Protein backbone atom coordinates (compact mmCIF):
# COMPACT_ATOMS: atom_id res chain seq x y z
CA UNK A 1 -4.39 -28.03 26.63
CA UNK A 2 -8.07 -27.81 27.81
CA UNK A 3 -10.25 -25.05 25.91
CA UNK A 4 -13.48 -24.33 27.84
CA UNK A 5 -16.49 -23.04 25.98
CA UNK A 6 -19.28 -21.81 28.14
CA UNK A 7 -22.54 -20.65 26.42
CA UNK A 8 -23.44 -17.12 27.65
CA UNK A 9 -19.97 -16.45 28.89
CA UNK A 10 -18.62 -13.87 26.58
CA UNK A 11 -14.70 -13.71 27.24
CA UNK A 12 -14.48 -13.61 23.73
CA UNK A 13 -16.61 -11.98 21.19
CA UNK A 14 -16.26 -12.98 17.34
CA UNK A 15 -18.24 -14.03 14.39
CA UNK A 16 -20.31 -17.17 13.97
CA UNK A 17 -19.98 -18.43 10.44
CA UNK A 18 -18.26 -16.39 7.05
CA UNK A 19 -18.71 -17.31 3.27
CA UNK A 20 -15.73 -17.09 1.85
CA UNK A 21 -13.92 -18.66 -1.71
CA UNK A 22 -11.30 -21.19 -2.13
CA UNK A 23 -7.82 -20.06 -2.45
CA UNK A 24 -8.72 -16.61 -1.07
CA UNK A 25 -7.54 -15.22 2.63
CA UNK A 26 -9.82 -14.18 5.53
CA UNK A 27 -9.22 -12.30 8.37
CA UNK A 28 -11.28 -13.07 11.65
CA UNK A 29 -11.25 -10.52 14.77
CA UNK A 30 -11.77 -12.06 18.31
CA UNK A 31 -12.82 -9.53 21.10
CA UNK A 32 -11.27 -10.14 24.60
CA UNK A 33 -11.86 -8.92 27.79
CA UNK A 34 -9.51 -6.16 28.86
CA UNK A 35 -8.31 -8.20 31.68
CA UNK A 36 -6.37 -10.38 28.86
CA UNK A 37 -4.67 -7.95 27.81
CA UNK A 38 -1.08 -9.37 28.50
CA UNK A 39 -2.03 -12.97 28.10
CA UNK A 40 -0.97 -15.32 24.97
CA UNK A 41 -3.43 -15.51 21.96
CA UNK A 42 -3.89 -18.05 19.76
CA UNK A 43 -6.21 -20.09 16.92
CA UNK A 44 -6.69 -23.51 17.10
CA UNK A 45 -8.32 -25.64 14.13
CA UNK A 46 -10.81 -28.37 14.71
CA UNK A 47 -14.48 -28.66 14.99
CA UNK A 48 -14.42 -30.21 19.10
CA UNK A 49 -12.12 -28.09 21.51
CA UNK A 50 -11.40 -30.69 23.03
CA UNK A 51 -9.15 -32.01 20.10
CA UNK A 52 -8.38 -29.08 18.12
CA UNK A 53 -4.69 -28.28 17.03
CA UNK A 54 -2.74 -24.96 17.77
CA UNK A 55 -2.09 -23.43 14.36
CA UNK A 56 -0.74 -19.97 15.25
CA UNK A 57 0.00 -18.21 18.46
CA UNK A 58 0.90 -14.62 19.41
CA UNK A 59 4.55 -15.74 21.07
CA UNK A 60 5.06 -18.00 17.88
CA UNK A 61 4.72 -17.58 14.50
CA UNK A 62 3.62 -20.25 11.89
CA UNK A 63 6.52 -21.32 9.39
CA UNK A 64 4.13 -22.11 6.72
CA UNK A 65 3.13 -19.05 6.43
CA UNK A 66 -0.63 -20.26 5.75
CA UNK A 67 -1.73 -18.53 8.93
CA UNK A 68 -0.95 -15.48 11.28
CA UNK A 69 -1.97 -13.46 14.17
CA UNK A 70 -1.43 -9.93 15.67
CA UNK A 71 -3.03 -8.47 18.59
CA UNK A 72 -4.47 -4.76 19.49
CA UNK A 73 -3.89 -4.39 23.02
CA UNK A 74 -5.71 -0.92 22.72
CA UNK A 75 -8.82 -2.39 21.24
CA UNK A 76 -8.32 -5.48 23.09
CA UNK A 77 -8.86 -7.39 19.69
CA UNK A 78 -6.48 -10.28 18.16
CA UNK A 79 -7.09 -10.66 14.51
CA UNK A 80 -6.17 -14.25 12.73
CA UNK A 81 -5.48 -14.71 8.98
CA UNK A 82 -6.09 -17.69 7.49
CA UNK A 83 -4.30 -17.73 3.60
CA UNK A 84 -5.06 -20.17 0.74
CA UNK A 85 -8.07 -21.18 1.67
CA UNK A 86 -9.83 -24.85 0.97
CA UNK A 87 -12.85 -27.11 1.86
CA UNK A 88 -10.84 -28.32 4.75
CA UNK A 89 -10.44 -25.44 6.33
CA UNK A 90 -13.96 -25.09 8.24
CA UNK A 91 -13.83 -25.11 12.08
CA UNK A 92 -11.68 -23.04 14.08
CA UNK A 93 -11.59 -21.29 17.99
CA UNK A 94 -10.17 -17.88 19.03
CA UNK A 95 -9.02 -18.69 22.23
CA UNK A 96 -7.04 -16.91 25.06
CA UNK A 97 -4.34 -18.78 27.18
CA UNK A 98 -5.11 -18.77 30.70
CA UNK A 99 -2.09 -19.50 33.14
CA UNK A 100 -2.86 -22.09 35.69
CA UNK A 101 -6.36 -22.79 33.98
CA UNK A 102 -8.71 -23.71 31.47
CA UNK A 103 -8.03 -21.66 28.42
CA UNK A 104 -11.31 -19.48 27.00
CA UNK A 105 -11.98 -20.22 23.40
CA UNK A 106 -14.75 -18.88 20.94
CA UNK A 107 -15.84 -20.94 18.02
CA UNK A 108 -16.50 -19.72 14.29
CA UNK A 109 -17.13 -21.69 11.16
CA UNK A 110 -15.70 -20.57 7.25
CA UNK A 111 -17.95 -21.94 4.73
CA UNK A 112 -15.20 -22.66 1.57
CA UNK A 113 -17.10 -22.39 -1.89
CA UNK A 114 -15.38 -22.77 -5.07
CA UNK A 115 -18.45 -20.32 -6.57
CA UNK A 116 -19.24 -16.60 -5.21
CA UNK A 117 -19.47 -16.39 -1.62
CA UNK A 118 -22.93 -16.05 -0.13
CA UNK A 119 -22.29 -12.68 1.34
CA UNK A 120 -19.11 -10.77 0.97
CA UNK A 121 -17.62 -7.23 0.41
CA UNK A 122 -15.56 -5.62 -2.24
CA UNK A 123 -12.48 -5.10 0.23
CA UNK A 124 -12.13 -6.38 3.59
CA UNK A 125 -10.01 -3.44 4.95
CA UNK A 126 -10.97 -0.05 3.88
CA UNK A 127 -10.06 3.70 4.65
CA UNK A 128 -12.18 6.39 5.59
CA UNK A 129 -11.05 10.27 6.22
CA UNK A 130 -11.98 12.31 9.41
CA UNK A 131 -14.98 14.30 9.01
CA UNK A 132 -15.98 12.76 5.98
CA UNK A 133 -18.38 9.71 4.81
CA UNK A 134 -17.28 6.22 3.87
CA UNK A 135 -19.49 3.55 1.86
CA UNK A 136 -19.58 -0.29 2.20
CA UNK A 137 -21.24 -2.72 -0.24
CA UNK A 138 -22.37 -6.00 0.99
CA UNK A 139 -23.48 -8.41 -1.74
CA UNK A 140 -25.55 -11.02 -0.65
CA UNK A 141 -27.26 -14.25 -2.12
CA UNK A 142 -30.12 -14.10 -0.30
CA UNK A 143 -33.27 -12.25 1.11
CA UNK A 144 -33.30 -11.58 4.69
CA UNK A 145 -32.96 -8.82 7.07
CA UNK A 146 -29.32 -7.52 6.78
CA UNK A 147 -27.49 -5.37 9.49
CA UNK A 148 -24.22 -3.57 10.03
CA UNK A 149 -22.48 -3.93 13.25
CA UNK A 150 -19.36 -2.90 15.31
CA UNK A 151 -17.47 -5.91 16.93
CA UNK A 152 -18.32 -5.89 20.71
CA UNK A 153 -20.87 -3.06 19.98
CA UNK A 154 -24.16 -2.43 18.92
CA UNK A 155 -25.96 -3.14 15.54
CA UNK A 156 -27.96 -0.81 12.85
CA UNK A 157 -30.76 -2.92 11.26
CA UNK A 158 -33.24 -0.52 10.10
CA UNK A 159 -32.22 2.28 7.03
CA UNK A 160 -30.59 4.29 9.56
CA UNK A 161 -29.18 4.66 12.94
CA UNK A 162 -25.90 5.42 14.95
CA UNK A 163 -22.82 3.16 16.11
CA UNK A 164 -21.13 4.93 18.75
CA UNK A 165 -22.56 8.30 17.87
CA UNK A 166 -21.54 7.84 14.09
CA UNK A 167 -24.63 8.12 11.93
CA UNK A 168 -25.36 5.39 9.64
CA UNK A 169 -27.60 4.64 7.11
CA UNK A 170 -28.32 1.66 4.77
CA UNK A 171 -30.56 0.74 1.62
CA UNK A 172 -30.63 -1.95 -0.80
CA UNK A 173 -31.48 -0.16 -4.10
CA UNK A 174 -29.31 -2.63 -6.21
CA UNK A 175 -30.31 -6.22 -6.15
CA UNK A 176 -28.57 -8.46 -3.99
CA UNK A 177 -26.29 -5.02 -2.45
CA UNK A 178 -26.98 -4.10 0.49
CA UNK A 179 -24.99 -0.40 0.85
CA UNK A 180 -23.79 0.83 4.53
CA UNK A 181 -22.77 4.79 4.81
CA UNK A 182 -21.00 6.03 7.63
CA UNK A 183 -20.88 9.67 8.02
CA UNK A 184 -19.08 12.61 9.62
CA UNK A 185 -16.01 10.21 10.93
CA UNK A 186 -14.18 10.29 13.84
CA UNK A 187 -10.41 8.64 14.37
CA UNK A 188 -12.49 6.51 17.30
CA UNK A 189 -14.50 4.79 14.42
CA UNK A 190 -11.67 2.92 13.35
CA UNK A 191 -11.96 -1.03 14.08
CA UNK A 192 -13.78 -4.22 13.22
CA UNK A 193 -17.23 -4.22 11.48
CA UNK A 194 -19.27 -6.83 10.23
CA UNK A 195 -22.24 -7.00 7.27
CA UNK A 196 -24.71 -9.79 8.53
CA UNK A 197 -27.61 -11.91 6.98
CA UNK A 198 -28.99 -14.33 9.52
CA UNK A 199 -26.17 -16.28 10.77
CA UNK A 200 -23.49 -15.30 7.82
CA UNK A 201 -21.41 -12.51 8.54
CA UNK A 202 -17.92 -10.97 6.83
CA UNK A 203 -15.84 -8.90 8.86
CA UNK A 204 -14.66 -5.66 7.55
CA UNK A 205 -11.81 -3.40 9.14
CA UNK A 206 -12.72 0.59 8.73
CA UNK A 207 -9.34 2.69 9.07
CA UNK A 208 -10.27 6.35 9.81
CA UNK A 209 -7.23 9.19 9.49
CA UNK A 210 -6.45 12.70 8.46
CA UNK A 211 -7.00 12.96 4.35
CA UNK A 212 -3.91 13.76 2.80
CA UNK A 213 -3.57 17.75 1.37
CA UNK A 214 -3.96 17.76 -1.85
CA UNK A 215 -3.30 20.51 -4.38
CA UNK A 216 -4.64 21.18 -7.95
CA UNK A 217 -2.62 22.67 -10.71
CA UNK A 218 -2.94 22.85 -14.20
CA UNK A 219 -0.47 22.50 -17.26
CA UNK A 220 -1.59 23.52 -20.79
CA UNK A 221 -0.46 21.37 -23.77
CA UNK A 222 0.37 22.44 -27.39
CA UNK A 223 -2.95 20.86 -28.74
CA UNK A 224 -5.20 22.99 -26.10
CA UNK A 225 -5.78 20.01 -23.60
CA UNK A 226 -5.25 20.82 -19.78
CA UNK A 227 -3.66 18.71 -17.39
CA UNK A 228 -4.64 18.48 -13.81
CA UNK A 229 -2.15 17.46 -11.18
CA UNK A 230 -4.57 16.73 -7.98
CA UNK A 231 -1.55 15.92 -5.33
CA UNK A 232 1.66 16.93 -4.04
CA UNK A 233 3.36 13.68 -4.98
CA UNK A 234 2.25 14.18 -8.75
CA UNK A 235 3.18 17.54 -8.46
CA UNK A 236 6.25 16.36 -7.15
CA UNK A 237 6.94 13.77 -9.42
CA UNK A 238 6.01 16.37 -12.35
CA UNK A 239 8.85 18.88 -10.98
CA UNK A 240 11.39 16.11 -10.39
CA UNK A 241 10.74 15.18 -14.45
CA UNK A 242 11.09 18.76 -15.49
CA UNK A 243 14.51 19.49 -13.27
CA UNK A 244 15.81 16.08 -15.08
CA UNK A 245 14.76 17.33 -18.62
CA UNK A 246 16.55 20.85 -17.74
CA UNK A 247 19.58 19.35 -16.31
CA UNK A 248 19.88 16.94 -19.27
CA UNK A 249 19.46 19.59 -21.71
CA UNK A 250 21.96 21.89 -20.02
CA UNK A 251 24.57 18.89 -19.84
CA UNK A 252 24.04 18.42 -23.50
CA UNK A 253 24.55 22.15 -24.42
CA UNK A 254 28.11 22.02 -21.95
CA UNK A 255 29.09 19.01 -24.04
CA UNK A 256 28.60 20.65 -27.19
CA UNK A 257 30.23 23.97 -26.46
CA UNK A 258 33.12 22.00 -25.07
CA UNK A 259 33.57 19.94 -28.01
CA UNK A 260 33.14 22.95 -30.40
CA UNK A 261 36.16 24.49 -28.07
CA UNK A 262 38.27 21.88 -28.40
CA UNK A 263 37.79 21.43 -32.15
CA UNK A 264 38.69 25.17 -32.55
CA UNK A 265 41.25 25.08 -30.06
CA UNK A 266 42.99 22.07 -31.96
CA UNK A 267 42.67 24.00 -35.64
CA UNK A 268 44.34 27.17 -33.63
CA UNK A 269 47.23 24.84 -32.39
CA UNK A 270 47.56 23.77 -35.66
CA UNK A 271 47.73 27.44 -37.44
CA UNK A 272 49.96 28.22 -34.80
CA UNK A 273 52.24 25.45 -35.58
CA UNK A 274 51.89 26.25 -39.76
CA UNK A 275 52.77 30.10 -38.80
CA UNK A 276 55.99 28.68 -36.90
CA UNK A 277 56.92 26.53 -39.42
CA UNK A 278 56.43 29.04 -41.98
CA UNK A 279 58.64 31.58 -40.12
CA UNK A 280 61.33 29.01 -39.77
CA UNK A 281 61.26 28.48 -43.52
CA UNK A 282 61.75 32.16 -44.39
CA UNK A 283 64.27 32.39 -41.85
CA UNK A 284 66.03 29.75 -43.22
CA UNK A 285 65.51 31.38 -46.81
CA UNK A 286 66.79 34.68 -45.80
CA UNK A 287 70.02 33.29 -44.16
CA UNK A 288 70.96 31.34 -47.41
CA UNK A 289 70.27 34.22 -49.52
CA UNK A 290 72.79 36.22 -47.37
CA UNK A 291 75.36 33.43 -47.67
CA UNK A 292 74.99 33.49 -51.23
CA UNK A 293 75.56 37.36 -51.56
CA UNK A 294 78.88 37.09 -49.49
CA UNK A 295 80.31 34.11 -51.72
CA UNK A 296 79.11 36.25 -54.72
CA UNK A 297 81.25 39.35 -53.14
CA UNK A 298 84.13 37.15 -52.32
CA UNK A 299 84.27 35.61 -55.77
CA UNK A 300 83.96 39.36 -57.40
CA UNK A 301 86.93 40.45 -55.17
CA UNK A 302 89.01 37.09 -56.25
């Protein structure tokens, strides 16, 4: 299958080079034109597009688990993930399959190292909350201009700027750390971004969602300390534990009461049995005495 790459034609937009660590995983976003929404997308491995090999497609899974691919047809981005990286995993192509014509592809390279990558983030996927801020720390090894970009959109290169109306501030107070803060987040800010230093980039996926409702409760312990429960899940867990403890105590009390009742009932039955036996013995004795009296009377007559 022919893959055509034309300079200046932006049918697919992706990173150019990413520094990664041996044995780790990396996710790469590939932005495509909306007209390719329902086309098959795939990842091709090899330095030359004419000879690269398909490794995973959106309509065919990779049985080895080395590669995976997903397609977000709302944002027109398909994402490829490469696991257990080795120094042989260096050249790839993001490709859109074209029916009855040459496929469109865009090349990216991975610089796989056993040491610390030249540019990396603490987490490649992060979560922010609507109306709040989120901070990303981009660790880098070289001194040079740093920038924060959104895939297919604009970049912020100075100390402040905006992307799609969201305020972005950056600073480099810590050595070799480029810190990015995005403020007043909106759900529309969800998507792929990247830190860039020269030709090296590291993609970051931001998910913006509603902040979970939290509650605060205080429990006082015997030693005077205060335990604070900061969310409903913790509170529910605490209530469940309390309920279990109370039920356990109640069951224990019921078992003890039942045991005592059985013992008392057993003793009562023994007492009743002894009383019955005693009455029978007395009756027997009384009957014997009457017989003896009658016998004595007969003897006297005789």
